[in-house]
């Protein structure tokens, strides 16, 4: 009877303590390995290394844009990095004219390039606007400054006005031969002032003097305030005649872009006999 009681006690002890030593069905374990799609670079990953910056601007020319109108110019820079980087942020600075605008862009692991943009608004485009529209991008590439080649806008905006001659005035110097002894040699300078329409894209005016086969040409650039007139001169040297043949009466005519003739001018006389 005593042996049977000892056997029961031992068997019960094995069942209770043996099962408890195997662990319960509700236990959990923690995996410290990060998920495969995580974008956080590991301590041993390669840092982002910028290898190239390429900047462009759109539109690249003022041609086709009406002077005085508003326009927007978008600078775009492609930032290229070395392969195999673990991702991260790249801080950059736009250099637009004399302004410096900071920004940053995030590269995921394996990304090779990103494009960043900046839009410059011009409220009133003028012929000289192109010179002020230039931009580049700079990055601090692990302690070394890297800057793209600047992108610039070229060309001249267009005007809506037609290029045409509005008026031609003429004068001569000296304006009289009175007091000049006849048969004296004198040089007379004829000066013509050509006025073209404002608000035009400019062009060339072809002219012809009335007292010779000599032609003249004067070129106007795109309109700017106070620059709608040009002058041309012609000099005649000869012997002042008592019959007023010399100096002659003269005028000048425009042939292109439109036909227009000045009044006739002649030094006042007669000369002294």
Protein backbone atom coordinates (compact mmCIF):
# COMPACT_ATOMS: atom_id res chain seq x y z
CA UNK A 1 0.00 0.00 0.00
CA UNK A 2 2.88 2.33 0.82
CA UNK A 3 4.61 1.59 -2.50
CA UNK A 4 1.42 2.33 -4.44
CA UNK A 5 1.04 5.74 -2.74
CA UNK A 6 4.64 6.72 -3.55
CA UNK A 7 4.10 5.76 -7.21
CA UNK A 8 0.99 7.96 -7.47
CA UNK A 9 2.80 10.95 -5.95
CA UNK A 10 5.77 10.62 -8.30
CA UNK A 11 3.57 10.19 -11.38
CA UNK A 12 1.53 13.27 -10.51
CA UNK A 13 4.71 15.37 -10.00
CA UNK A 14 5.98 14.36 -13.45
CA UNK A 15 2.73 15.31 -15.14
CA UNK A 16 2.45 18.78 -13.51
CA UNK A 17 6.02 19.95 -13.70
CA UNK A 18 6.90 18.22 -16.99
CA UNK A 19 4.08 19.92 -18.97
CA UNK A 20 4.84 23.37 -17.48
CA UNK A 21 8.44 23.15 -18.68
CA UNK A 22 7.38 22.88 -22.38
CA UNK A 23 5.89 26.49 -22.59
CA UNK A 24 2.31 27.68 -23.18
CA UNK A 25 0.47 27.98 -26.55
CA UNK A 26 -0.13 31.78 -26.10
CA UNK A 27 3.55 32.94 -25.97
CA UNK A 28 5.02 35.43 -28.63
CA UNK A 29 8.51 36.31 -29.97
CA UNK A 30 9.96 39.66 -31.32
CA UNK A 31 11.85 39.87 -34.70
CA UNK A 32 14.34 42.78 -34.71
CA UNK A 33 15.00 42.54 -38.49
CA UNK A 34 13.48 45.63 -40.32
CA UNK A 35 10.87 45.12 -43.06
CA UNK A 36 12.26 44.57 -46.56
CA UNK A 37 10.53 47.70 -47.99
CA UNK A 38 11.73 50.14 -45.30
CA UNK A 39 13.26 53.38 -46.74
CA UNK A 40 15.34 54.09 -43.64
CA UNK A 41 19.03 53.65 -44.56
CA UNK A 42 20.93 51.21 -42.39
CA UNK A 43 24.06 52.39 -40.58
CA UNK A 44 26.21 50.53 -43.12
CA UNK A 45 24.44 51.87 -46.26
CA UNK A 46 26.15 54.25 -48.74
CA UNK A 47 25.19 57.94 -48.21
CA UNK A 48 23.56 59.93 -51.02
CA UNK A 49 26.31 61.19 -53.32
CA UNK A 50 25.25 63.77 -55.96
CA UNK A 51 27.11 63.22 -59.23
CA UNK A 52 25.45 65.71 -61.58
CA UNK A 53 23.13 68.73 -61.71
CA UNK A 54 21.45 69.76 -65.00
CA UNK A 55 19.34 72.93 -65.06
CA UNK A 56 17.03 74.15 -67.84
CA UNK A 57 14.43 76.92 -68.11
CA UNK A 58 11.11 76.96 -69.98
CA UNK A 59 10.40 78.98 -72.04
CA UNK A 60 14.00 79.58 -72.98
CA UNK A 61 13.34 82.62 -75.16
CA UNK A 62 11.26 85.80 -75.02
CA UNK A 63 10.49 85.41 -78.71
CA UNK A 64 6.75 85.05 -79.12
CA UNK A 65 5.99 86.74 -75.79
CA UNK A 66 4.35 90.16 -76.14
CA UNK A 67 6.21 92.99 -74.47
CA UNK A 68 4.33 94.34 -71.47
CA UNK A 69 2.53 91.06 -70.80
CA UNK A 70 2.99 88.78 -67.78
CA UNK A 71 4.91 85.54 -68.17
CA UNK A 72 6.15 82.62 -66.04
CA UNK A 73 9.54 80.93 -66.38
CA UNK A 74 10.07 77.48 -64.85
CA UNK A 75 13.55 76.33 -63.88
CA UNK A 76 14.03 72.55 -63.69
CA UNK A 77 17.07 70.74 -62.32
CA UNK A 78 17.69 67.01 -62.59
CA UNK A 79 19.68 65.87 -59.54
CA UNK A 80 21.56 62.64 -60.27
CA UNK A 81 23.11 60.54 -57.50
CA UNK A 82 25.49 57.59 -57.47
CA UNK A 83 24.02 54.08 -57.60
CA UNK A 84 23.78 52.05 -54.43
CA UNK A 85 22.94 54.82 -51.99
CA UNK A 86 20.78 54.10 -48.98
CA UNK A 87 18.53 57.08 -49.65
CA UNK A 88 18.01 60.26 -47.66
CA UNK A 89 17.47 63.97 -48.09
CA UNK A 90 19.44 66.31 -50.36
CA UNK A 91 19.31 69.99 -49.39
CA UNK A 92 19.64 72.46 -52.25
CA UNK A 93 19.55 76.20 -52.98
CA UNK A 94 18.07 77.87 -56.04
CA UNK A 95 20.16 80.79 -57.33
CA UNK A 96 17.60 82.86 -59.24
CA UNK A 97 19.09 86.20 -60.26
CA UNK A 98 20.34 87.65 -56.97
CA UNK A 99 17.91 85.59 -54.87
CA UNK A 100 18.74 82.35 -53.04
CA UNK A 101 15.84 80.02 -52.23
CA UNK A 102 16.43 76.88 -50.11
CA UNK A 103 14.69 73.51 -50.50
CA UNK A 104 15.22 69.77 -50.14
CA UNK A 105 14.28 66.54 -51.88
CA UNK A 106 14.12 62.98 -50.54
CA UNK A 107 15.74 60.03 -52.33
CA UNK A 108 14.47 56.53 -51.55
CA UNK A 109 17.04 53.70 -51.45
CA UNK A 110 17.95 52.88 -55.05
CA UNK A 111 16.69 56.18 -56.56
CA UNK A 112 19.11 57.53 -59.16
CA UNK A 113 17.60 60.94 -59.97
CA UNK A 114 15.01 63.49 -58.90
CA UNK A 115 13.74 66.63 -60.65
CA UNK A 116 13.06 69.83 -58.71
CA UNK A 117 11.46 72.97 -60.14
CA UNK A 118 11.11 76.66 -59.38
CA UNK A 119 8.77 79.09 -61.17
CA UNK A 120 9.65 82.76 -61.59
CA UNK A 121 6.78 85.11 -62.41
CA UNK A 122 7.45 88.28 -64.42
CA UNK A 123 4.54 90.74 -64.23
CA UNK A 124 5.63 92.79 -67.26
CA UNK A 125 8.11 91.45 -69.83
CA UNK A 126 10.33 94.09 -71.44
CA UNK A 127 13.05 93.91 -74.16
CA UNK A 128 15.71 93.90 -71.43
CA UNK A 129 14.01 91.24 -69.29
CA UNK A 130 16.04 88.32 -70.66
CA UNK A 131 19.25 89.54 -69.01
CA UNK A 132 17.68 89.21 -65.55
CA UNK A 133 16.22 85.70 -65.98
CA UNK A 134 18.96 83.25 -65.09
CA UNK A 135 19.12 80.45 -62.55
CA UNK A 136 21.18 77.56 -61.23
CA UNK A 137 20.99 75.02 -58.38
CA UNK A 138 23.60 74.40 -55.67
CA UNK A 139 23.92 71.45 -53.28
CA UNK A 140 26.26 70.76 -50.37
CA UNK A 141 27.47 67.36 -51.51
CA UNK A 142 28.95 65.86 -48.34
CA UNK A 143 30.92 69.03 -47.62
CA UNK A 144 31.71 69.93 -51.24
CA UNK A 145 29.60 72.62 -52.95
CA UNK A 146 28.28 71.59 -56.36
CA UNK A 147 26.49 74.10 -58.65
CA UNK A 148 24.80 73.48 -61.98
CA UNK A 149 25.59 75.45 -65.12
CA UNK A 150 23.21 78.46 -65.14
CA UNK A 151 20.21 78.35 -67.46
CA UNK A 152 19.29 81.70 -69.04
CA UNK A 153 16.49 83.14 -71.13
CA UNK A 154 17.46 84.71 -74.48
CA UNK A 155 15.75 86.77 -77.18
CA UNK A 156 13.57 89.86 -77.20
CA UNK A 157 9.85 90.07 -76.63
CA UNK A 158 7.65 91.07 -79.56
CA UNK A 159 5.62 94.23 -80.03
CA UNK A 160 2.21 94.43 -81.65
CA UNK A 161 2.78 97.70 -83.50
CA UNK A 162 3.63 97.85 -87.22
CA UNK A 163 7.06 99.13 -88.22
CA UNK A 164 6.51 102.20 -90.41
CA UNK A 165 7.86 105.68 -91.02
CA UNK A 166 5.62 108.37 -89.54
CA UNK A 167 7.52 111.47 -90.61
CA UNK A 168 10.73 112.78 -92.19
CA UNK A 169 11.98 116.27 -91.50
CA UNK A 170 14.99 117.89 -93.20
CA UNK A 171 17.28 120.85 -92.57
CA UNK A 172 20.47 122.29 -94.07
CA UNK A 173 23.46 124.06 -92.56
CA UNK A 174 24.40 126.78 -93.23
CA UNK A 175 20.81 127.73 -93.81
CA UNK A 176 21.57 130.80 -95.98
CA UNK A 177 24.11 132.03 -98.51
CA UNK A 178 23.43 135.69 -97.84
CA UNK A 179 26.69 137.20 -96.72
CA UNK A 180 28.67 134.56 -98.62
CA UNK A 181 30.60 135.84 -101.65
CA UNK A 182 29.53 134.18 -104.87
CA UNK A 183 31.95 131.62 -106.34
CA UNK A 184 33.20 130.74 -102.85
CA UNK A 185 33.55 127.05 -102.05
CA UNK A 186 31.23 126.05 -99.19
CA UNK A 187 30.16 122.73 -97.68
CA UNK A 188 26.46 122.35 -96.94
CA UNK A 189 25.24 119.56 -94.66
CA UNK A 190 21.70 118.24 -95.18
CA UNK A 191 20.26 116.45 -92.16
CA UNK A 192 17.14 114.28 -92.26
CA UNK A 193 15.35 113.10 -89.12
CA UNK A 194 13.29 109.90 -89.54
CA UNK A 195 10.58 109.09 -87.01
CA UNK A 196 9.04 105.62 -86.88
CA UNK A 197 5.97 104.33 -85.08
CA UNK A 198 6.40 103.34 -81.44
CA UNK A 199 5.63 99.91 -80.07
CA UNK A 200 7.09 98.06 -83.06
CA UNK A 201 9.69 95.34 -83.49
CA UNK A 202 12.03 97.62 -85.40
CA UNK A 203 13.60 97.21 -88.81
CA UNK A 204 15.53 99.08 -91.50
CA UNK A 205 14.37 102.22 -93.32
CA UNK A 206 15.77 102.54 -96.84
CA UNK A 207 16.11 106.18 -98.01
CA UNK A 208 17.04 108.10 -101.17
CA UNK A 209 18.22 111.70 -101.51
CA UNK A 210 16.57 113.75 -104.28
CA UNK A 211 19.71 115.50 -105.58
CA UNK A 212 21.78 112.38 -106.21
CA UNK A 213 21.62 108.65 -106.74
CA UNK A 214 22.91 108.16 -103.22
CA UNK A 215 20.85 105.92 -100.96
CA UNK A 216 20.95 105.69 -97.20
CA UNK A 217 19.70 103.19 -94.66
CA UNK A 218 18.98 103.53 -90.97
CA UNK A 219 18.13 100.67 -88.64
CA UNK A 220 15.83 100.83 -85.63
CA UNK A 221 15.92 98.25 -82.87
CA UNK A 222 12.85 97.09 -80.96
CA UNK A 223 11.00 100.05 -79.55
CA UNK A 224 12.12 101.64 -76.32
CA UNK A 225 10.91 105.01 -75.02
CA UNK A 226 12.80 107.91 -76.61
CA UNK A 227 14.36 105.80 -79.35
CA UNK A 228 11.94 106.19 -82.23
CA UNK A 229 14.03 108.68 -84.22
CA UNK A 230 17.29 108.45 -86.18
CA UNK A 231 19.15 110.97 -88.33
CA UNK A 232 21.10 110.70 -91.57
CA UNK A 233 23.27 113.38 -93.15
CA UNK A 234 24.61 114.20 -96.58
CA UNK A 235 27.33 116.75 -97.33
CA UNK A 236 27.67 118.76 -100.56
CA UNK A 237 30.70 120.93 -101.31
CA UNK A 238 30.70 123.33 -104.23
CA UNK A 239 31.02 126.88 -105.52
CA UNK A 240 28.14 129.10 -104.51
CA UNK A 241 26.62 130.47 -107.70
CA UNK A 242 24.92 133.80 -108.20
CA UNK A 243 22.13 132.12 -110.17
CA UNK A 244 21.34 129.94 -107.11
CA UNK A 245 22.07 126.65 -108.90
CA UNK A 246 24.35 125.70 -106.03
CA UNK A 247 23.54 124.86 -103.30
CA UNK A 248 20.55 122.90 -104.62
CA UNK A 249 17.14 122.36 -103.07
CA UNK A 250 16.96 118.91 -101.55
CA UNK A 251 14.59 116.37 -100.05
CA UNK A 252 14.72 112.76 -98.98
CA UNK A 253 12.24 109.89 -99.38
CA UNK A 254 11.75 106.59 -97.63
CA UNK A 255 11.39 103.56 -99.90
CA UNK A 256 10.80 100.89 -97.25
CA UNK A 257 8.96 99.99 -95.08
CA UNK A 258 6.60 102.61 -96.53
CA UNK A 259 6.93 105.51 -98.96
CA UNK A 260 7.13 108.99 -97.52
CA UNK A 261 8.88 112.17 -98.75
CA UNK A 262 10.15 115.08 -96.71
CA UNK A 263 9.62 118.76 -97.53
CA UNK A 264 12.22 120.44 -99.74
CA UNK A 265 14.92 122.57 -98.16
CA UNK A 266 17.33 125.10 -99.76
CA UNK A 267 19.76 127.57 -98.20
CA UNK A 268 18.31 131.09 -98.34
CA UNK A 269 20.04 133.40 -100.88
CA UNK A 270 21.31 135.03 -103.02
CA UNK A 271 25.05 135.24 -102.44
CA UNK A 272 27.04 138.48 -102.60
CA UNK A 273 28.31 139.58 -106.04
